[in-house]
Amino acid sequence: MKVIYESKDDSVKKLAEGIAEAMQGIDCIDLQNGAYVESIADGELVFLGSGGSFMGCGKSTKEFIKKLAASGKKVRIVLFGSSFIKNSAVNAMRKTAEKQGLKPMGDSYNCKGRFLFLNAGHPNSKDINSAKNLAIRLTKN
């Protein structure tokens, strides 16, 4: 199990670290530092996070999804993100993944994201706890 994320302003990083903490220290990998598809096992559960904008999810996230799809590995993907426009991060990742032939799990988490001065303070502790609770619920099944 891994948490892989791209975070431009630390918003998604906070969610990723919360999920990793809830899962008792699983690998938490920043795509900016390199997340290698080779390190993902067939059948592994991957929490994939990105911020969202008017342009979709992050560039590194899109590249990672393409490489993962090209690898042919069958992984379970849970999407999470932070975006100013409701669910835009998760929706953009889902669209990118499905276009590549991947099928992310239906359960996902997207919280308010900061844009300029709007939504300052997000993700807050409630947002982080919601992401943690999703991870805990999905790994108990």
Protein backbone atom coordinates (compact mmCIF):
# COMPACT_ATOMS: atom_id res chain seq x y z
CA MET A 1 0.00 0.00 0.00
CA LYS A 2 1.29 3.45 -0.94
CA VAL A 3 0.24 7.09 -0.88
CA ILE A 4 1.45 8.92 -3.97
CA TYR A 5 0.72 12.60 -4.45
CA GLU A 6 1.51 15.87 -6.19
CA SER A 7 1.14 19.03 -4.14
CA LYS A 8 1.93 22.52 -5.40
CA ASP A 9 1.14 24.34 -2.15
CA ASP A 10 1.26 21.58 0.49
CA SER A 11 -2.55 21.19 0.55
CA VAL A 12 -2.52 17.70 -0.93
CA LYS A 13 0.67 16.87 0.99
CA LYS A 14 -1.24 17.40 4.25
CA LEU A 15 -3.95 14.98 3.12
CA ALA A 16 -1.35 12.44 1.93
CA GLU A 17 0.56 12.56 5.20
CA GLY A 18 -2.71 12.15 7.10
CA ILE A 19 -3.61 9.04 5.10
CA ALA A 20 -0.11 7.59 5.58
CA GLU A 21 -0.33 8.25 9.31
CA ALA A 22 -3.74 6.58 9.54
CA MET A 23 -2.34 3.56 7.71
CA GLN A 24 0.47 3.38 10.28
CA GLY A 25 3.37 4.71 8.29
CA ILE A 26 2.92 3.36 4.78
CA ASP A 27 5.08 4.87 2.05
CA CYS A 28 4.13 8.47 1.27
CA ILE A 29 5.75 9.52 -2.01
CA ASP A 30 5.79 13.00 -3.56
CA LEU A 31 5.59 12.78 -7.36
CA GLN A 32 7.87 15.83 -7.54
CA ASN A 33 10.62 13.64 -6.03
CA GLY A 34 9.88 10.73 -8.33
CA ALA A 35 7.41 7.91 -7.85
CA TYR A 36 8.45 4.91 -9.82
CA VAL A 37 5.82 2.62 -11.24
CA GLU A 38 8.31 -0.23 -10.83
CA SER A 39 7.96 0.06 -7.04
CA ILE A 40 4.25 -0.69 -7.19
CA ALA A 41 3.25 -4.32 -6.89
CA ASP A 42 0.54 -5.93 -8.96
CA GLY A 43 -2.68 -5.80 -6.93
CA GLU A 44 -1.40 -3.09 -4.58
CA LEU A 45 -3.70 -0.42 -3.12
CA VAL A 46 -2.53 3.04 -4.15
CA PHE A 47 -3.92 6.29 -2.75
CA LEU A 48 -3.29 8.86 -5.50
CA GLY A 49 -3.64 12.57 -4.78
CA SER A 50 -3.40 15.82 -6.69
CA GLY A 51 -4.66 19.35 -6.61
CA GLY A 52 -7.15 20.52 -9.17
CA SER A 53 -7.30 23.64 -11.27
CA PHE A 54 -9.01 24.91 -14.36
CA MET A 55 -6.45 22.86 -16.31
CA GLY A 56 -7.22 19.56 -14.54
CA CYS A 57 -4.92 17.62 -12.23
CA GLY A 58 -1.17 18.15 -11.95
CA LYS A 59 1.22 17.40 -14.81
CA SER A 60 3.26 14.91 -12.75
CA THR A 61 0.03 13.14 -11.78
CA LYS A 62 -1.02 12.81 -15.42
CA GLU A 63 2.41 11.43 -16.34
CA PHE A 64 2.32 8.95 -13.47
CA ILE A 65 -1.15 7.71 -14.49
CA LYS A 66 0.04 7.19 -18.07
CA LYS A 67 3.12 5.24 -16.92
CA LEU A 68 1.02 3.14 -14.53
CA ALA A 69 -1.44 2.28 -17.31
CA ALA A 70 1.41 1.42 -19.71
CA SER A 71 2.92 -0.93 -17.09
CA GLY A 72 -0.10 -3.21 -17.30
CA LYS A 73 -0.16 -3.61 -13.52
CA LYS A 74 -3.54 -4.20 -11.98
CA VAL A 75 -3.73 -1.88 -8.98
CA ARG A 76 -6.55 -0.59 -6.85
CA ILE A 77 -6.53 3.21 -7.00
CA VAL A 78 -8.22 5.52 -4.49
CA LEU A 79 -8.25 9.16 -5.54
CA PHE A 80 -7.99 12.14 -3.20
CA GLY A 81 -7.37 15.82 -3.68
CA SER A 82 -7.88 19.43 -2.84
CA SER A 83 -9.42 21.93 -5.24
CA PHE A 84 -11.19 25.27 -5.36
CA ILE A 85 -13.90 23.91 -7.64
CA LYS A 86 -15.83 21.11 -5.96
CA ASN A 87 -14.37 17.69 -6.81
CA SER A 88 -12.34 19.04 -9.74
CA ALA A 89 -9.11 17.36 -8.58
CA VAL A 90 -10.68 13.92 -8.21
CA ASN A 91 -12.77 14.31 -11.37
CA ALA A 92 -9.72 15.32 -13.41
CA MET A 93 -7.67 12.36 -12.13
CA ARG A 94 -10.56 9.97 -12.72
CA LYS A 95 -11.00 11.23 -16.30
CA THR A 96 -7.26 10.92 -16.99
CA ALA A 97 -7.12 7.41 -15.50
CA GLU A 98 -10.18 6.15 -17.34
CA LYS A 99 -8.86 7.58 -20.61
CA GLN A 100 -5.77 5.41 -20.04
CA GLY A 101 -7.88 2.31 -19.32
CA LEU A 102 -7.53 2.40 -15.51
CA LYS A 103 -10.55 2.12 -13.24
CA PRO A 104 -10.13 4.00 -9.95
CA MET A 105 -12.33 2.89 -7.07
CA GLY A 106 -15.64 4.73 -6.70
CA ASP A 107 -14.75 5.94 -3.22
CA SER A 108 -12.65 9.10 -3.23
CA TYR A 109 -12.07 12.27 -1.22
CA ASN A 110 -11.82 15.90 -2.34
CA CYS A 111 -11.74 18.84 0.05
CA LYS A 112 -11.82 22.59 -0.48
CA GLY A 113 -8.60 23.96 -1.85
CA ARG A 114 -7.08 27.38 -1.60
CA PHE A 115 -7.29 29.75 -4.55
CA LEU A 116 -5.70 33.16 -3.99
CA PHE A 117 -7.25 34.23 -0.69
CA LEU A 118 -10.35 32.02 -0.93
CA ASN A 119 -10.67 28.87 1.20
CA ALA A 120 -7.64 29.82 3.26
CA GLY A 121 -7.02 27.29 6.00
CA HIS A 122 -7.94 24.25 3.94
CA PRO A 123 -7.28 21.48 4.27
CA ASN A 124 -8.06 21.87 7.95
CA SER A 125 -8.05 19.17 10.63
CA LYS A 126 -11.61 18.14 9.72
CA ASP A 127 -10.58 17.67 6.07
CA ILE A 128 -7.52 15.63 7.03
CA ASN A 129 -9.56 13.46 9.39
CA SER A 130 -12.10 12.82 6.61
CA ALA A 131 -9.31 11.62 4.32
CA LYS A 132 -7.93 9.41 7.12
CA ASN A 133 -11.39 7.94 7.77
CA LEU A 134 -11.82 7.07 4.09
CA ALA A 135 -8.49 5.24 4.09
CA ILE A 136 -9.33 3.36 7.28
CA ARG A 137 -12.79 2.37 5.99
CA LEU A 138 -11.45 1.15 2.63
CA THR A 139 -8.68 -0.94 4.15
CA LYS A 140 -11.01 -2.68 6.59
CA ASN A 141 -13.07 -4.14 3.72
